[in-house]
Amino acid sequence: MKRWYAVYTQPHRESVAREHLERQGFEVFAPRYIKRRRHARRVEDVPAPLFPRYIFAAFDADEPEWRVIRSTRGVVDLVRSGLDPVPAPAEIIEEIEKRSDEDGFVILARNADLSPGAKLRIEAGPFAEYEAIFQTARDDERVVVLLSLLGREVRAEVPIDAVTPLG
């Protein structure tokens, strides 16, 4: 029976491993998301692996053909317990696939409900109980919000877990 298995790849070689596994006839799932990268005063959105150094391949572990995966270009090994590969829960793969957009990029749930201009309540931290306006999400689990303090709008960064949308 075909199941999904996690494949451990060489650093930054997920796409190489995916390409070579597909050429060998394996069904491969390499979830990616859009990451905001800041460098040299520039901000750009770039594709990034959802699980760095891991992709998923579907195969029947009872058939010996899967053993070629370990010698595939870009692959280090499979996630195994002893000599046997450990299957990934099918529900997790299905859930990740459901959250993918038409281009195949995973929409991260935390940022899905927030759009610029949305009103938020800050639930924790030094600004607890303040209302704010959402501006943007940062890749490091923080959001940028506008607070009204002393008659001025002030930008602040707060953990994404500390805010809840209003209305």
Protein backbone atom coordinates (compact mmCIF):
# COMPACT_ATOMS: atom_id res chain seq x y z
CA MET A 1 0.00 0.00 0.00
CA LYS A 2 1.33 3.43 -0.97
CA ARG A 3 1.93 5.84 1.91
CA TRP A 4 3.76 9.13 2.36
CA TYR A 5 7.28 9.13 3.85
CA ALA A 6 9.52 12.03 4.86
CA VAL A 7 12.74 12.33 2.86
CA TYR A 8 15.67 14.15 4.49
CA THR A 9 17.54 16.26 1.92
CA GLN A 10 20.87 18.02 1.68
CA PRO A 11 20.81 21.68 2.77
CA HIS A 12 18.95 23.89 0.25
CA ARG A 13 18.56 20.93 -2.16
CA GLU A 14 14.87 20.16 -1.74
CA SER A 15 14.10 21.06 -5.37
CA VAL A 16 17.01 18.94 -6.68
CA ALA A 17 15.83 15.94 -4.67
CA ARG A 18 12.22 16.49 -5.80
CA GLU A 19 13.22 16.68 -9.46
CA HIS A 20 15.33 13.50 -9.35
CA LEU A 21 12.72 11.53 -7.40
CA GLU A 22 10.03 12.52 -9.89
CA ARG A 23 12.30 11.39 -12.75
CA GLN A 24 12.49 8.00 -11.05
CA GLY A 25 8.69 7.77 -11.01
CA PHE A 26 7.97 8.65 -7.37
CA GLU A 27 5.06 10.85 -6.39
CA VAL A 28 6.62 13.77 -4.50
CA PHE A 29 5.16 16.52 -2.32
CA ALA A 30 7.45 19.42 -1.41
CA PRO A 31 5.31 22.03 0.37
CA ARG A 32 6.47 25.64 0.03
CA TYR A 33 5.24 29.02 1.22
CA ILE A 34 5.99 32.63 0.33
CA LYS A 35 8.57 34.05 2.73
CA ARG A 36 9.29 37.75 3.14
CA ARG A 37 13.06 38.33 2.96
CA ARG A 38 14.80 41.56 3.89
CA HIS A 39 18.30 42.21 2.64
CA ALA A 40 20.26 45.37 1.85
CA ARG A 41 17.24 47.63 2.39
CA ARG A 42 15.17 45.56 0.00
CA VAL A 43 12.15 43.47 0.83
CA GLU A 44 11.13 40.66 -1.47
CA ASP A 45 8.82 37.69 -1.33
CA VAL A 46 10.55 34.42 -2.19
CA PRO A 47 9.42 30.79 -2.21
CA ALA A 48 10.76 28.80 0.76
CA PRO A 49 10.27 25.20 1.88
CA LEU A 50 7.66 24.76 4.58
CA PHE A 51 9.90 22.12 6.19
CA PRO A 52 13.53 22.99 5.37
CA ARG A 53 15.51 19.88 4.36
CA TYR A 54 12.38 17.68 4.16
CA ILE A 55 10.10 16.63 1.31
CA PHE A 56 7.62 13.76 1.08
CA ALA A 57 7.57 10.79 -1.28
CA ALA A 58 4.77 8.25 -1.73
CA PHE A 59 5.68 4.60 -2.16
CA ASP A 60 4.92 1.09 -0.97
CA ALA A 61 7.45 0.18 1.72
CA ASP A 62 6.87 -3.53 1.05
CA GLU A 63 8.34 -3.16 -2.45
CA PRO A 64 12.15 -2.98 -2.75
CA GLU A 65 12.12 -0.13 -5.32
CA TRP A 66 11.98 2.53 -2.59
CA ARG A 67 15.59 1.81 -1.60
CA VAL A 68 16.89 3.85 -4.56
CA ILE A 69 15.62 6.98 -2.80
CA ARG A 70 18.58 6.86 -0.41
CA SER A 71 21.07 7.18 -3.29
CA THR A 72 19.13 9.85 -5.19
CA ARG A 73 20.85 13.14 -5.88
CA GLY A 74 19.99 15.72 -3.18
CA VAL A 75 18.77 13.10 -0.69
CA VAL A 76 20.54 12.26 2.57
CA ASP A 77 18.17 9.57 3.84
CA LEU A 78 14.59 8.77 4.76
CA VAL A 79 13.20 9.34 8.22
CA ARG A 80 13.51 5.83 9.59
CA SER A 81 13.14 3.75 12.69
CA GLY A 82 15.97 1.28 12.47
CA LEU A 83 16.01 0.04 8.89
CA ASP A 84 12.35 0.76 8.12
CA PRO A 85 11.04 4.13 6.88
CA VAL A 86 8.46 5.76 9.14
CA PRO A 87 5.24 6.80 7.34
CA ALA A 88 4.01 10.36 7.71
CA PRO A 89 0.37 10.66 8.83
CA ALA A 90 -1.81 10.95 5.72
CA GLU A 91 -4.08 13.46 7.49
CA ILE A 92 -1.21 15.92 7.83
CA ILE A 93 -0.29 15.69 4.15
CA GLU A 94 -3.96 16.15 3.18
CA GLU A 95 -4.32 19.18 5.46
CA ILE A 96 -1.22 20.82 3.99
CA GLU A 97 -2.49 20.15 0.46
CA LYS A 98 -5.88 21.69 1.37
CA ARG A 99 -4.15 24.87 2.52
CA SER A 100 -2.27 25.27 -0.77
CA ASP A 101 -3.28 27.93 -3.28
CA GLU A 102 -3.56 27.50 -7.06
CA ASP A 103 0.22 28.00 -7.45
CA GLY A 104 0.96 25.28 -4.91
CA PHE A 105 2.09 27.58 -2.08
CA VAL A 106 0.81 26.86 1.42
CA ILE A 107 -1.27 29.62 2.98
CA LEU A 108 -0.18 29.86 6.60
CA ALA A 109 -3.28 29.88 8.78
CA ARG A 110 -2.04 32.54 11.17
CA ASN A 111 -1.81 35.15 8.43
CA ALA A 112 -4.86 34.04 6.45
CA ASP A 113 -7.43 36.05 8.43
CA LEU A 114 -5.39 39.25 8.65
CA SER A 115 -5.46 41.84 5.91
CA PRO A 116 -4.05 45.38 5.99
CA GLY A 117 -6.46 47.70 7.77
CA ALA A 118 -8.09 44.97 9.87
CA LYS A 119 -8.87 45.94 13.46
CA LEU A 120 -7.21 43.86 16.17
CA ARG A 121 -7.16 43.61 19.93
CA ILE A 122 -3.81 43.02 21.59
CA GLU A 123 -4.32 40.40 24.29
CA ALA A 124 -0.86 40.18 25.91
CA GLY A 125 2.32 42.13 26.46
CA PRO A 126 2.87 45.82 27.23
CA PHE A 127 0.04 46.88 24.89
CA ALA A 128 -2.51 44.42 26.29
CA GLU A 129 -6.15 45.55 25.92
CA TYR A 130 -5.27 48.12 23.24
CA GLU A 131 -7.00 48.09 19.89
CA ALA A 132 -4.78 48.37 16.84
CA ILE A 133 -4.86 48.30 13.06
CA PHE A 134 -3.02 45.48 11.28
CA GLN A 135 -0.37 46.60 8.78
CA THR A 136 1.73 43.58 7.85
CA ALA A 137 2.99 40.20 9.06
CA ARG A 138 6.66 39.48 9.56
CA ASP A 139 8.22 36.12 8.88
CA ASP A 140 9.48 35.76 12.45
CA GLU A 141 6.02 35.25 14.02
CA ARG A 142 5.40 38.95 14.61
CA VAL A 143 2.98 41.47 13.16
CA VAL A 144 3.29 45.20 12.64
CA VAL A 145 0.32 47.18 13.94
CA LEU A 146 -0.67 50.82 14.28
CA LEU A 147 -1.60 51.96 17.78
CA SER A 148 -3.22 55.23 18.72
CA LEU A 149 -1.13 56.57 21.60
CA LEU A 150 -1.19 60.14 22.92
CA GLY A 151 -3.08 61.36 19.87
CA ARG A 152 -0.60 59.88 17.39
CA GLU A 153 -0.45 56.68 15.40
CA VAL A 154 2.56 54.64 16.45
CA ARG A 155 3.88 51.52 14.74
CA ALA A 156 4.62 48.58 16.99
CA GLU A 157 5.63 44.96 16.52
CA VAL A 158 3.85 42.36 18.60
CA PRO A 159 3.81 38.54 18.59
CA ILE A 160 1.15 37.20 16.24
CA ASP A 161 -0.18 34.99 19.03
CA ALA A 162 -0.92 38.12 21.11
CA VAL A 163 -3.51 39.57 18.70
CA THR A 164 -7.09 38.61 17.87
CA PRO A 165 -9.16 40.06 15.03
CA LEU A 166 -12.16 42.19 16.00
CA GLY A 167 -15.52 41.69 14.35
